[in-house]
N, C-alpha and C. Protein backbone atom coordinates (compact mmCIF):
# COMPACT_ATOMS: atom_id res chain seq x y z
N MET A 1 -12.47 20.32 85.03
CA MET A 1 -11.04 20.54 84.84
C MET A 1 -10.19 19.76 83.86
N THR A 2 -9.42 20.52 83.32
CA THR A 2 -8.51 19.87 81.96
C THR A 2 -7.83 18.39 82.60
N HIS A 3 -7.90 17.37 81.98
CA HIS A 3 -6.87 16.29 82.24
C HIS A 3 -5.54 16.57 81.84
N PRO A 4 -4.45 15.98 82.86
CA PRO A 4 -3.25 16.64 82.58
C PRO A 4 -2.76 16.42 81.01
N ALA A 5 -3.17 15.21 80.56
CA ALA A 5 -2.77 15.00 79.21
C ALA A 5 -3.45 15.75 78.08
N VAL A 6 -4.43 16.32 78.54
CA VAL A 6 -5.27 17.23 77.50
C VAL A 6 -5.05 18.79 78.09
N ASN A 7 -3.90 19.16 77.68
CA ASN A 7 -3.46 20.62 78.24
C ASN A 7 -4.16 21.60 77.42
N SER A 8 -4.07 22.94 77.82
CA SER A 8 -4.49 24.07 77.05
C SER A 8 -4.13 24.11 75.40
N LEU A 9 -3.09 23.71 75.23
CA LEU A 9 -2.62 23.68 73.90
C LEU A 9 -3.45 22.52 72.99
N ALA A 10 -3.82 21.58 73.50
CA ALA A 10 -4.86 20.67 72.69
C ALA A 10 -6.11 21.32 72.63
N THR A 11 -6.73 22.00 73.45
CA THR A 11 -7.92 22.46 73.61
C THR A 11 -7.91 23.91 72.90
N TYR A 12 -7.33 24.90 73.64
CA TYR A 12 -7.29 26.44 72.97
C TYR A 12 -6.52 26.44 71.63
N GLY A 13 -5.37 25.30 71.46
CA GLY A 13 -4.84 25.18 70.23
C GLY A 13 -5.65 25.02 69.04
N LEU A 14 -6.64 24.58 69.27
CA LEU A 14 -7.72 24.18 68.01
C LEU A 14 -7.95 25.81 67.49
N PHE A 15 -8.21 26.76 68.35
CA PHE A 15 -8.65 28.00 67.87
C PHE A 15 -7.17 28.67 67.44
N ALA A 16 -6.26 28.62 68.01
CA ALA A 16 -4.85 29.13 67.51
C ALA A 16 -4.50 28.56 66.19
N ALA A 17 -4.70 27.26 65.94
CA ALA A 17 -4.28 26.72 64.71
C ALA A 17 -5.33 27.19 63.56
N TRP A 18 -6.63 27.09 64.05
CA TRP A 18 -7.51 27.74 63.07
C TRP A 18 -7.27 28.84 62.64
N ALA A 19 -7.03 29.81 63.56
CA ALA A 19 -6.68 31.47 63.15
C ALA A 19 -5.61 31.51 62.45
N LEU A 20 -4.32 30.87 62.38
CA LEU A 20 -3.32 30.83 61.52
C LEU A 20 -3.82 30.34 60.14
N HIS A 21 -4.45 29.21 60.11
CA HIS A 21 -4.92 28.87 59.00
C HIS A 21 -5.88 29.72 58.09
N ASP A 22 -6.79 30.44 59.00
CA ASP A 22 -7.78 31.22 58.18
C ASP A 22 -6.98 32.64 58.00
N ALA A 23 -5.82 32.95 58.63
CA ALA A 23 -5.18 34.05 58.34
C ALA A 23 -4.46 33.77 56.70
N GLU A 24 -4.20 32.64 56.48
CA GLU A 24 -3.71 32.40 54.99
C GLU A 24 -4.89 32.68 54.00
N GLU A 25 -6.16 31.89 54.50
CA GLU A 25 -7.12 32.11 53.52
C GLU A 25 -7.62 33.46 53.29
N LEU A 26 -7.61 34.20 54.56
CA LEU A 26 -7.92 35.80 54.39
C LEU A 26 -6.95 36.55 53.36
N ALA A 27 -5.76 36.14 53.46
CA ALA A 27 -4.64 36.77 52.86
C ALA A 27 -4.63 36.38 51.25
N THR A 28 -5.29 35.04 50.93
CA THR A 28 -4.97 34.73 49.49
C THR A 28 -6.54 34.44 48.79
N GLY A 29 -7.50 34.24 49.65
CA GLY A 29 -8.74 33.41 48.98
C GLY A 29 -9.35 34.28 48.08
N PRO A 30 -10.05 35.48 48.32
CA PRO A 30 -10.93 36.13 47.32
C PRO A 30 -10.07 36.52 46.08
N ARG A 31 -9.03 37.12 46.08
CA ARG A 31 -8.08 37.19 45.07
C ARG A 31 -7.61 36.27 44.23
N TRP A 32 -7.41 35.11 44.80
CA TRP A 32 -7.03 33.74 44.25
C TRP A 32 -8.09 33.23 43.40
N ILE A 33 -9.33 33.39 43.95
CA ILE A 33 -10.62 32.76 43.21
C ILE A 33 -10.74 33.83 41.83
N ARG A 34 -10.60 35.28 42.16
CA ARG A 34 -10.93 35.70 40.99
C ARG A 34 -10.07 35.44 39.88
N GLU A 35 -8.77 35.66 40.37
CA GLU A 35 -7.76 35.25 39.35
C GLU A 35 -7.76 33.87 38.57
N HIS A 36 -8.18 32.82 39.48
CA HIS A 36 -8.25 31.52 38.92
C HIS A 36 -9.66 31.07 38.42
N LEU A 37 -10.73 31.73 38.59
CA LEU A 37 -12.10 31.28 38.20
C LEU A 37 -12.06 31.00 36.74
N PRO A 38 -11.59 31.67 35.79
CA PRO A 38 -11.77 31.06 34.45
C PRO A 38 -11.02 29.86 34.09
N VAL A 39 -9.85 29.66 34.91
CA VAL A 39 -9.04 28.22 34.67
C VAL A 39 -9.95 27.21 35.50
N LEU A 40 -10.54 27.32 36.55
CA LEU A 40 -11.41 26.50 37.18
C LEU A 40 -12.62 26.04 36.50
N ARG A 41 -13.38 27.07 35.70
CA ARG A 41 -14.43 26.79 35.12
C ARG A 41 -14.12 25.80 33.66
N LYS A 42 -12.85 25.99 33.18
CA LYS A 42 -12.46 25.37 32.24
C LYS A 42 -12.02 24.02 32.63
N ARG A 43 -11.34 23.78 33.62
CA ARG A 43 -10.97 22.58 34.15
C ARG A 43 -12.07 21.55 34.62
N PHE A 44 -13.16 22.25 35.16
CA PHE A 44 -14.36 21.39 35.80
C PHE A 44 -15.63 21.96 35.12
N PRO A 45 -15.71 21.69 33.75
CA PRO A 45 -16.89 22.10 33.15
C PRO A 45 -18.13 21.78 33.70
N ASP A 46 -18.33 20.62 34.19
CA ASP A 46 -19.35 20.07 34.76
C ASP A 46 -19.97 20.52 35.96
N ALA A 47 -19.07 21.18 36.77
CA ALA A 47 -19.78 21.95 37.82
C ALA A 47 -20.93 22.95 37.60
N PRO A 48 -21.81 22.92 38.55
CA PRO A 48 -22.98 23.89 38.13
C PRO A 48 -22.62 25.31 38.14
N GLU A 49 -23.29 25.96 37.26
CA GLU A 49 -23.12 27.40 37.10
C GLU A 49 -23.27 28.05 38.49
N SER A 50 -24.32 27.67 39.25
CA SER A 50 -24.48 28.24 40.59
C SER A 50 -23.20 28.33 41.46
N LEU A 51 -22.44 27.30 41.30
CA LEU A 51 -21.05 27.38 42.23
C LEU A 51 -20.28 28.23 41.68
N TRP A 52 -20.13 28.59 40.33
CA TRP A 52 -19.28 29.71 39.79
C TRP A 52 -19.74 31.14 40.39
N SER A 53 -21.01 31.16 40.18
CA SER A 53 -21.83 32.37 40.67
C SER A 53 -21.64 32.73 41.99
N LEU A 54 -21.72 31.84 42.88
CA LEU A 54 -21.42 31.86 44.44
C LEU A 54 -20.06 32.31 44.51
N MET A 55 -19.06 31.54 44.07
CA MET A 55 -17.55 31.97 44.32
C MET A 55 -17.40 33.50 43.78
N GLU A 56 -17.82 33.81 42.62
CA GLU A 56 -17.61 35.33 42.03
C GLU A 56 -18.14 36.31 42.99
N SER A 57 -19.18 35.92 43.63
CA SER A 57 -20.07 36.71 44.46
C SER A 57 -19.33 37.36 45.80
N VAL A 58 -18.41 36.26 46.35
CA VAL A 58 -17.76 36.56 47.60
C VAL A 58 -16.64 37.63 47.37
N ASP A 59 -16.83 38.83 48.08
CA ASP A 59 -15.73 39.88 47.98
C ASP A 59 -15.08 39.61 49.29
N GLU A 60 -13.84 40.56 49.41
CA GLU A 60 -13.03 40.40 50.69
C GLU A 60 -13.66 40.78 51.82
N ARG A 61 -14.43 41.80 51.85
CA ARG A 61 -15.31 42.21 53.03
C ARG A 61 -16.06 41.15 53.55
N GLU A 62 -16.87 40.32 52.70
CA GLU A 62 -17.87 39.53 53.04
C GLU A 62 -17.01 38.16 53.57
N PHE A 63 -15.95 37.94 53.04
CA PHE A 63 -15.04 36.84 53.23
C PHE A 63 -14.51 37.07 54.84
N ALA A 64 -14.14 38.26 54.98
CA ALA A 64 -13.50 38.66 56.39
C ALA A 64 -14.53 38.58 57.45
N VAL A 65 -15.90 38.96 57.23
CA VAL A 65 -16.85 38.94 58.00
C VAL A 65 -17.14 37.46 58.41
N ALA A 66 -17.33 36.59 57.36
CA ALA A 66 -17.59 35.13 57.54
C ALA A 66 -16.56 34.45 58.38
N VAL A 67 -15.18 34.80 58.34
CA VAL A 67 -14.36 34.21 59.10
C VAL A 67 -14.51 34.66 60.39
N GLY A 68 -14.74 35.97 60.60
CA GLY A 68 -15.05 36.40 62.12
C GLY A 68 -16.44 35.53 62.75
N ALA A 69 -17.27 35.26 61.95
CA ALA A 69 -18.33 34.42 62.40
C ALA A 69 -17.82 32.91 62.66
N MET A 70 -16.90 32.53 61.88
CA MET A 70 -16.48 31.17 62.07
C MET A 70 -15.58 31.09 63.37
N ALA A 71 -14.76 32.37 63.51
CA ALA A 71 -14.14 32.41 64.81
C ALA A 71 -15.04 32.22 66.20
N THR A 72 -16.08 32.61 65.96
CA THR A 72 -17.19 32.36 67.19
C THR A 72 -17.46 31.00 67.41
N ILE A 73 -17.65 30.26 66.40
CA ILE A 73 -17.90 28.78 66.47
C ILE A 73 -16.57 28.07 66.85
N VAL A 74 -15.68 28.36 66.35
CA VAL A 74 -14.27 27.48 66.57
C VAL A 74 -13.82 27.85 68.07
N GLY A 75 -14.00 29.10 68.38
CA GLY A 75 -13.52 29.59 69.83
C GLY A 75 -14.57 28.87 70.96
N ALA A 76 -15.74 28.68 70.69
CA ALA A 76 -16.63 28.21 71.50
C ALA A 76 -16.40 26.74 71.73
N ALA A 77 -16.01 26.10 70.57
CA ALA A 77 -15.58 24.61 70.69
C ALA A 77 -14.23 24.53 71.27
N ALA A 78 -13.59 25.30 71.26
CA ALA A 78 -12.24 25.35 71.92
C ALA A 78 -12.54 25.46 73.57
N VAL A 79 -13.20 26.49 73.84
CA VAL A 79 -13.57 26.77 75.31
C VAL A 79 -14.39 25.51 75.82
N ALA A 80 -15.25 24.87 75.04
CA ALA A 80 -15.97 23.74 75.46
C ALA A 80 -14.71 22.56 75.71
N GLY A 81 -13.96 22.37 74.86
CA GLY A 81 -12.84 21.45 75.03
C GLY A 81 -12.19 21.50 76.35
N HIS A 82 -11.71 22.78 76.46
CA HIS A 82 -11.13 23.04 77.58
C HIS A 82 -11.75 22.68 79.05
N ARG A 83 -12.74 23.28 79.06
CA ARG A 83 -13.83 23.24 80.14
C ARG A 83 -13.98 21.67 80.64
N SER A 84 -14.25 20.89 79.46
CA SER A 84 -14.34 19.52 79.66
C SER A 84 -13.38 18.57 79.73
N GLY A 85 -12.12 19.08 79.80
CA GLY A 85 -11.09 18.34 79.81
C GLY A 85 -10.74 17.45 78.56
N GLY A 86 -11.27 18.15 77.42
CA GLY A 86 -11.27 17.41 75.97
C GLY A 86 -12.27 16.54 75.79
N ARG A 87 -13.08 16.21 76.66
CA ARG A 87 -14.38 15.34 76.77
C ARG A 87 -15.59 15.81 75.69
N SER A 88 -15.72 17.25 75.48
CA SER A 88 -16.96 17.63 74.76
C SER A 88 -17.04 17.35 73.57
N GLY A 89 -18.28 16.77 73.17
CA GLY A 89 -18.43 16.27 71.88
C GLY A 89 -18.36 17.46 70.84
N PHE A 90 -18.85 18.51 71.33
CA PHE A 90 -18.64 19.77 70.27
C PHE A 90 -17.17 20.12 69.83
N TYR A 91 -16.28 19.84 71.19
CA TYR A 91 -14.95 20.14 70.87
C TYR A 91 -14.29 19.13 69.94
N GLN A 92 -14.65 18.02 70.11
CA GLN A 92 -13.93 16.64 69.42
C GLN A 92 -14.58 16.65 68.07
N GLY A 93 -15.83 17.09 67.77
CA GLY A 93 -16.42 17.14 66.61
C GLY A 93 -15.75 18.13 65.94
N ALA A 94 -15.49 19.45 66.36
CA ALA A 94 -14.83 20.60 65.60
C ALA A 94 -13.54 20.15 65.32
N LEU A 95 -12.78 19.65 66.08
CA LEU A 95 -11.30 19.12 66.04
C LEU A 95 -11.44 18.33 64.76
N GLY A 96 -12.33 17.12 64.78
CA GLY A 96 -12.36 16.33 63.70
C GLY A 96 -12.54 17.13 62.36
N GLY A 97 -13.69 18.01 62.59
CA GLY A 97 -14.06 18.79 61.28
C GLY A 97 -12.97 19.39 60.68
N PHE A 98 -12.24 19.99 61.66
CA PHE A 98 -10.99 20.90 61.18
C PHE A 98 -9.96 20.21 60.40
N GLY A 99 -9.73 18.89 61.21
CA GLY A 99 -8.67 17.98 60.28
C GLY A 99 -9.28 17.74 58.87
N LEU A 100 -10.61 17.35 58.87
CA LEU A 100 -11.01 16.73 57.79
C LEU A 100 -11.17 17.87 56.89
N HIS A 101 -11.32 18.94 57.19
CA HIS A 101 -11.44 20.41 56.09
C HIS A 101 -10.13 20.55 55.75
N GLY A 102 -9.10 20.27 56.72
CA GLY A 102 -7.64 20.59 55.94
C GLY A 102 -7.52 19.45 54.81
N LEU A 103 -7.87 18.19 54.97
CA LEU A 103 -7.65 17.12 53.91
C LEU A 103 -8.58 17.56 52.59
N VAL A 104 -9.64 18.23 52.84
CA VAL A 104 -10.42 18.74 51.67
C VAL A 104 -9.58 19.76 50.79
N HIS A 105 -8.84 20.81 51.76
CA HIS A 105 -8.02 21.64 51.22
C HIS A 105 -6.91 20.84 50.25
N LEU A 106 -6.31 20.00 50.87
CA LEU A 106 -5.02 19.38 50.26
C LEU A 106 -5.74 18.57 48.85
N GLY A 107 -6.96 18.00 48.94
CA GLY A 107 -7.61 17.52 47.84
C GLY A 107 -7.95 18.50 46.64
N GLN A 108 -8.19 19.70 47.11
CA GLN A 108 -8.44 20.81 46.24
C GLN A 108 -7.19 21.18 45.48
N ALA A 109 -5.99 21.44 46.24
CA ALA A 109 -4.82 21.49 45.70
C ALA A 109 -4.45 20.54 44.67
N ALA A 110 -4.44 19.21 45.13
CA ALA A 110 -4.36 18.09 44.17
C ALA A 110 -5.27 18.11 42.83
N ALA A 111 -6.47 18.47 43.07
CA ALA A 111 -7.38 18.44 41.88
C ALA A 111 -7.05 19.68 41.01
N PHE A 112 -6.54 20.81 41.42
CA PHE A 112 -6.18 21.93 40.92
C PHE A 112 -4.78 21.85 40.38
N ARG A 113 -4.04 20.90 40.91
CA ARG A 113 -2.85 20.68 40.45
C ARG A 113 -1.68 21.87 40.74
N GLY A 114 -2.00 22.37 42.03
CA GLY A 114 -1.22 23.68 42.42
C GLY A 114 -1.73 24.15 43.67
N TYR A 115 -1.15 25.33 43.93
CA TYR A 115 -1.68 25.96 45.25
C TYR A 115 -3.10 26.33 45.39
N THR A 116 -3.75 26.31 46.51
CA THR A 116 -5.08 26.64 46.56
C THR A 116 -5.06 27.23 47.80
N PRO A 117 -6.11 28.37 48.21
CA PRO A 117 -6.01 28.95 49.48
C PRO A 117 -6.18 28.00 50.60
N GLY A 118 -5.30 28.10 51.53
CA GLY A 118 -5.61 27.24 52.76
C GLY A 118 -4.77 25.84 52.65
N SER A 119 -4.22 25.68 51.48
CA SER A 119 -3.45 24.37 51.15
C SER A 119 -2.10 24.37 52.13
N ALA A 120 -1.55 25.49 51.96
CA ALA A 120 -0.23 25.53 52.78
C ALA A 120 -0.20 25.13 54.20
N THR A 121 -1.12 25.93 54.97
CA THR A 121 -1.48 25.68 56.39
C THR A 121 -2.10 24.27 56.56
N SER A 122 -2.83 24.00 55.68
CA SER A 122 -3.53 22.49 55.95
C SER A 122 -2.27 21.51 55.93
N ALA A 123 -1.42 21.36 55.16
CA ALA A 123 -0.24 20.61 55.17
C ALA A 123 0.79 20.79 56.32
N LEU A 124 0.81 21.94 56.66
CA LEU A 124 1.71 22.28 57.78
C LEU A 124 1.42 22.38 59.14
N LEU A 125 -0.16 22.71 59.46
CA LEU A 125 -0.48 22.89 60.44
C LEU A 125 -1.78 22.33 60.85
N VAL A 126 -2.88 22.50 59.94
CA VAL A 126 -4.24 21.93 60.22
C VAL A 126 -4.13 20.23 60.48
N VAL A 127 -3.63 19.65 59.57
CA VAL A 127 -3.65 18.11 59.68
C VAL A 127 -2.73 17.69 60.74
N PRO A 128 -1.42 18.14 60.84
CA PRO A 128 -0.45 17.92 61.90
C PRO A 128 -1.16 18.21 63.34
N PHE A 129 -1.78 19.37 63.53
CA PHE A 129 -2.15 19.63 64.70
C PHE A 129 -3.40 18.87 65.32
N THR A 130 -4.09 18.44 64.17
CA THR A 130 -5.41 17.63 64.52
C THR A 130 -5.14 16.27 64.85
N LEU A 131 -4.03 15.59 64.21
CA LEU A 131 -3.32 14.13 64.65
C LEU A 131 -2.86 14.48 65.95
N TRP A 132 -2.11 15.53 66.25
CA TRP A 132 -1.37 15.58 67.69
C TRP A 132 -2.43 15.73 68.74
N ALA A 133 -3.50 16.65 68.59
CA ALA A 133 -4.53 16.66 69.61
C ALA A 133 -5.22 15.38 69.73
N ARG A 134 -5.80 14.97 68.75
CA ARG A 134 -6.45 13.74 68.84
C ARG A 134 -5.56 12.54 69.59
N GLY A 135 -4.13 12.55 69.43
CA GLY A 135 -3.28 11.63 70.31
C GLY A 135 -3.56 12.11 71.69
N ARG A 136 -3.38 13.29 71.94
CA ARG A 136 -3.51 13.71 73.21
C ARG A 136 -4.67 13.22 74.01
N LEU A 137 -5.68 13.41 73.02
CA LEU A 137 -7.19 13.15 73.76
C LEU A 137 -7.15 11.46 73.98
N ARG A 138 -6.61 10.56 72.86
CA ARG A 138 -6.48 9.24 73.03
C ARG A 138 -5.72 8.93 74.26
N ARG A 139 -4.65 9.54 74.52
CA ARG A 139 -3.70 9.04 75.62
C ARG A 139 -4.31 9.24 77.17
N ALA A 140 -5.24 10.49 76.86
CA ALA A 140 -5.90 10.83 78.09
C ALA A 140 -7.23 9.97 78.48
N GLY A 141 -7.45 9.25 77.51
CA GLY A 141 -8.63 8.19 77.51
C GLY A 141 -9.99 8.81 77.18
N VAL A 142 -10.03 10.10 76.79
CA VAL A 142 -11.23 10.79 76.59
C VAL A 142 -11.59 10.89 74.95
N LEU A 143 -10.94 10.33 74.03
CA LEU A 143 -11.16 10.35 72.71
C LEU A 143 -12.42 9.63 72.41
N ARG A 144 -13.41 9.98 71.76
CA ARG A 144 -14.45 9.29 71.29
C ARG A 144 -14.02 8.39 70.03
N PRO A 145 -14.44 7.04 69.96
CA PRO A 145 -14.22 6.23 68.78
C PRO A 145 -14.83 6.86 67.66
N THR A 146 -13.94 6.81 66.55
CA THR A 146 -14.47 7.49 65.17
C THR A 146 -15.02 6.27 64.40
N ARG A 147 -16.08 6.74 64.06
CA ARG A 147 -16.73 5.56 63.21
C ARG A 147 -17.01 6.23 61.72
N PRO A 148 -17.27 5.55 60.69
CA PRO A 148 -17.43 6.16 59.45
C PRO A 148 -18.32 7.29 59.30
N ARG A 149 -19.57 7.05 59.97
CA ARG A 149 -20.58 8.16 60.01
C ARG A 149 -20.04 9.30 60.78
N ASP A 150 -19.24 9.19 61.73
CA ASP A 150 -18.38 10.46 62.24
C ASP A 150 -17.73 11.26 61.22
N VAL A 151 -16.93 10.61 60.28
CA VAL A 151 -16.34 11.30 59.31
C VAL A 151 -17.31 12.12 58.42
N LEU A 152 -18.51 11.43 58.04
CA LEU A 152 -19.47 12.27 57.09
C LEU A 152 -19.99 13.23 58.08
N THR A 153 -20.42 12.98 59.24
CA THR A 153 -20.78 14.05 60.09
C THR A 153 -19.96 15.31 60.30
N GLY A 154 -18.53 15.05 60.58
CA GLY A 154 -17.50 15.90 60.50
C GLY A 154 -17.42 16.91 59.46
N LEU A 155 -17.42 16.36 58.39
CA LEU A 155 -17.49 16.99 57.09
C LEU A 155 -18.75 17.92 56.78
N ALA A 156 -19.97 17.15 57.23
CA ALA A 156 -20.97 17.90 56.98
C ALA A 156 -21.18 19.03 58.03
N THR A 157 -20.74 18.97 59.18
CA THR A 157 -20.75 20.02 60.14
C THR A 157 -19.76 21.23 59.74
N ALA A 158 -18.65 20.82 59.36
CA ALA A 158 -17.86 21.88 58.74
C ALA A 158 -18.50 22.58 57.65
N ALA A 159 -18.98 21.91 56.64
CA ALA A 159 -19.69 22.49 55.46
C ALA A 159 -20.78 23.32 56.09
N ALA A 160 -21.56 23.08 57.01
CA ALA A 160 -22.57 23.61 57.53
C ALA A 160 -22.21 24.92 58.35
N ALA A 161 -21.02 24.91 58.97
CA ALA A 161 -20.57 26.04 59.65
C ALA A 161 -20.15 27.14 58.64
N THR A 162 -19.54 26.56 57.50
CA THR A 162 -19.08 27.51 56.71
C THR A 162 -20.36 28.34 55.87
N VAL A 163 -21.14 27.40 55.68
CA VAL A 163 -22.54 27.97 55.16
C VAL A 163 -23.17 29.12 56.02
N VAL A 164 -23.15 28.74 57.34
CA VAL A 164 -23.87 29.70 58.49
C VAL A 164 -22.89 30.90 58.43
N SER A 165 -21.59 30.89 58.47
CA SER A 165 -20.80 31.92 58.60
C SER A 165 -20.84 32.78 57.28
N HIS A 166 -21.17 32.17 56.13
CA HIS A 166 -21.18 33.16 54.98
C HIS A 166 -22.65 33.90 54.93
N ALA A 167 -23.60 33.19 55.56
CA ALA A 167 -24.95 33.62 55.66
C ALA A 167 -24.94 35.13 56.56
N VAL A 168 -24.28 34.55 57.69
CA VAL A 168 -24.09 35.72 58.62
C VAL A 168 -23.58 36.88 57.88
N ALA A 169 -22.37 36.72 57.30
CA ALA A 169 -21.59 37.57 56.53
C ALA A 169 -22.48 38.43 55.52
N ARG A 170 -23.09 37.50 54.86
CA ARG A 170 -24.07 38.22 53.63
C ARG A 170 -25.13 39.33 54.49
N GLY A 171 -25.79 38.65 55.46
CA GLY A 171 -26.71 39.55 56.20
C GLY A 171 -26.03 40.76 56.88
N LEU A 172 -24.80 40.74 57.38
CA LEU A 172 -24.25 41.88 58.01
C LEU A 172 -23.70 43.00 56.90
N THR A 173 -23.27 42.13 55.63
CA THR A 173 -22.75 43.18 54.80
C THR A 173 -23.52 43.66 53.56
N GLY A 174 -24.79 43.05 53.67
CA GLY A 174 -25.84 43.37 52.65
C GLY A 174 -25.51 42.72 51.20
N ALA A 175 -24.63 41.90 51.26
CA ALA A 175 -24.19 41.17 49.88
C ALA A 175 -25.58 40.24 49.53
N PRO A 176 -25.58 40.07 48.06
CA PRO A 176 -27.09 39.46 47.71
C PRO A 176 -26.89 38.01 48.24
N ARG A 177 -28.26 37.47 48.33
CA ARG A 177 -28.17 36.15 48.74
C ARG A 177 -28.56 35.13 47.64
N PHE A 178 -28.21 33.92 47.70
CA PHE A 178 -28.48 32.76 46.83
C PHE A 178 -29.30 31.90 47.28
């Protein structure tokens, strides 16, 4: 049962915050990438060609399916968090990864020196929600201590979930594999 300090907003709110954030990415992502790829290539000439090829290859359909696959992962984490009263390692890891991925979006916007897909909701929703939810978990006494390796694990897990989501999308849409 959920601890009173860890209400449904702190657990299912992860999914809601993620959905709003990914709606921004769905609305802006593939088109923004197509329009800004030449600028990105010029600004970051040392980035590997495979990165640019991968970015060019993602179309709106694949991106939408990948978001759907990620919805399954984030939704499962939110349910695990709710059922465990916020104690679930899966939920806490997903929450941490969500917040860290928001910081990555903000870093991308800073490196680009302008708007990048996901940066608006990262600043207004992802990072604030993560801090708020972690505060609820802390007050309930269920937040696991965060060690430096947890930060790396959270980033790696978020990246892996993204790769898996796109692999699923490529499999379902028949897009070429890399």
